[in-house]
Structures are given as structure tokens and as C-alpha cells.
């Protein structure tokens, strides 16, 4: 099964992604992908989400949420 890294910020966009998490996962599972979630916020830098890229062979990266400038 192909892996997809899913980086998301639950606090972004008025928390809209939280209502869609199950839908995002289901769509990908139905298409034969395994979702590997990574939750970011003000205390967890998005750069850390890419630390495991050398060990894993992600098919693609899915990102949801806004980054603060």
C-alpha cells in the first residue's frame, strides 16, 4: 500500500479540517493509500513533519491548514 503523509493544523481555518478528517482518510483508504498523519500547531513546527522522509517512501504529501508568517 502506498503511504501519504498528511500534515494538518487543526486550529487553522476555523477548525474546518477537524470535520473533514474522517472523509480525507476514507477517500485515501478507498483508493488504496495509507494515511500517515502529522498534526502541527504553534508549538510543533511544520519542518518537523519532514524528519522521517529519508526512512519512508511517501507517494505524496497532503497539507491542510494555514501557516503563520
C-alpha atoms as a PDB file:
ATOM      1  CA  UNK A   1       0.000   0.000   0.000  1.00  0.00           C
ATOM      2  CA  UNK A   2       1.284   3.478  -0.863  1.00  0.00           C
ATOM      3  CA  UNK A   3       1.773   5.884   2.020  1.00  0.00           C
ATOM      4  CA  UNK A   4       0.608   9.502   2.089  1.00  0.00           C
ATOM      5  CA  UNK A   5       1.957  11.953   4.646  1.00  0.00           C
ATOM      6  CA  UNK A   6      -0.945  14.104   5.853  1.00  0.00           C
ATOM      7  CA  UNK A   7       0.239  17.287   7.559  1.00  0.00           C
ATOM      8  CA  UNK A   8      -2.534  19.335   9.116  1.00  0.00           C
ATOM      9  CA  UNK A   9      -3.180  22.136  11.568  1.00  0.00           C
ATOM     10  CA  UNK A  10      -6.443  21.542  13.461  1.00  0.00           C
ATOM     11  CA  UNK A  11      -6.619  25.194  14.534  1.00  0.00           C
ATOM     12  CA  UNK A  12      -6.379  26.660  11.068  1.00  0.00           C
ATOM     13  CA  UNK A  13      -9.347  27.892   9.055  1.00  0.00           C
ATOM     14  CA  UNK A  14     -11.755  27.970  11.971  1.00  0.00           C
ATOM     15  CA  UNK A  15     -11.028  24.286  12.668  1.00  0.00           C
ATOM     16  CA  UNK A  16     -12.687  23.198   9.415  1.00  0.00           C
ATOM     17  CA  UNK A  17     -10.311  20.286   8.817  1.00  0.00           C
ATOM     18  CA  UNK A  18     -11.499  18.585  12.008  1.00  0.00           C
ATOM     19  CA  UNK A  19     -14.906  17.997  10.445  1.00  0.00           C
ATOM     20  CA  UNK A  20     -13.253  16.508   7.357  1.00  0.00           C
ATOM     21  CA  UNK A  21     -10.594  14.209   8.840  1.00  0.00           C
ATOM     22  CA  UNK A  22     -12.625  11.035   8.502  1.00  0.00           C
ATOM     23  CA  UNK A  23     -13.588  11.937   4.934  1.00  0.00           C
ATOM     24  CA  UNK A  24      -9.952  12.574   3.967  1.00  0.00           C
ATOM     25  CA  UNK A  25      -8.868   9.258   5.466  1.00  0.00           C
ATOM     26  CA  UNK A  26     -11.724   7.291   3.877  1.00  0.00           C
ATOM     27  CA  UNK A  27     -11.082   8.725   0.409  1.00  0.00           C
ATOM     28  CA  UNK A  28      -7.445   7.725   0.594  1.00  0.00           C
ATOM     29  CA  UNK A  29      -8.086   4.278   2.075  1.00  0.00           C
ATOM     30  CA  UNK A  30     -10.676   3.564  -0.615  1.00  0.00           C
ATOM     31  CA  UNK A  31      -8.035   4.478  -3.206  1.00  0.00           C
ATOM     32  CA  UNK A  32      -5.505   2.095  -1.624  1.00  0.00           C
ATOM     33  CA  UNK A  33      -3.383   4.578   0.336  1.00  0.00           C
ATOM     34  CA  UNK A  34      -2.270   4.517   3.945  1.00  0.00           C
ATOM     35  CA  UNK A  35      -2.526   7.924   5.626  1.00  0.00           C
ATOM     36  CA  UNK A  36       0.294   8.884   7.989  1.00  0.00           C
ATOM     37  CA  UNK A  37      -0.982  11.923   9.924  1.00  0.00           C
ATOM     38  CA  UNK A  38       1.203  14.641  11.398  1.00  0.00           C
ATOM     39  CA  UNK A  39      -0.515  17.320  13.486  1.00  0.00           C
ATOM     40  CA  UNK A  40       1.106  20.753  13.667  1.00  0.00           C
ATOM     41  CA  UNK A  41       0.286  23.849  15.738  1.00  0.00           C
ATOM     42  CA  UNK A  42       2.105  26.847  17.185  1.00  0.00           C
ATOM     43  CA  UNK A  43       4.302  24.599  19.345  1.00  0.00           C
ATOM     44  CA  UNK A  44       5.014  21.984  16.648  1.00  0.00           C
ATOM     45  CA  UNK A  45       6.896  23.353  13.667  1.00  0.00           C
ATOM     46  CA  UNK A  46       5.947  22.063  10.225  1.00  0.00           C
ATOM     47  CA  UNK A  47       9.631  21.394   9.488  1.00  0.00           C
ATOM     48  CA  UNK A  48       9.494  18.507  11.983  1.00  0.00           C
ATOM     49  CA  UNK A  49       6.868  16.827   9.810  1.00  0.00           C
ATOM     50  CA  UNK A  50       9.551  16.100   7.225  1.00  0.00           C
ATOM     51  CA  UNK A  51      12.027  14.395   9.595  1.00  0.00           C
ATOM     52  CA  UNK A  52      11.018  10.887   8.536  1.00  0.00           C
ATOM     53  CA  UNK A  53      11.190  11.379   4.777  1.00  0.00           C
ATOM     54  CA  UNK A  54      14.521   9.589   4.430  1.00  0.00           C
ATOM     55  CA  UNK A  55      13.185   6.472   6.171  1.00  0.00           C
ATOM     56  CA  UNK A  56       9.804   6.431   4.437  1.00  0.00           C
ATOM     57  CA  UNK A  57       8.826   6.385   0.835  1.00  0.00           C
ATOM     58  CA  UNK A  58       5.740   8.607   0.719  1.00  0.00           C
ATOM     59  CA  UNK A  59       3.784   8.613  -2.508  1.00  0.00           C
ATOM     60  CA  UNK A  60       2.849  12.242  -1.892  1.00  0.00           C
ATOM     61  CA  UNK A  61       2.279  14.824   0.834  1.00  0.00           C
ATOM     62  CA  UNK A  62      -1.151  16.240   1.643  1.00  0.00           C
ATOM     63  CA  UNK A  63      -1.184  19.500   3.605  1.00  0.00           C
ATOM     64  CA  UNK A  64      -4.206  21.173   5.198  1.00  0.00           C
ATOM     65  CA  UNK A  65      -4.137  24.428   7.143  1.00  0.00           C
ATOM     66  CA  UNK A  66      -2.537  27.800   7.139  1.00  0.00           C
ATOM     67  CA  UNK A  67       0.918  28.696   8.312  1.00  0.00           C
ATOM     68  CA  UNK A  68       1.534  31.838  10.285  1.00  0.00           C
ATOM     69  CA  UNK A  69       4.031  34.175   8.594  1.00  0.00           C
END
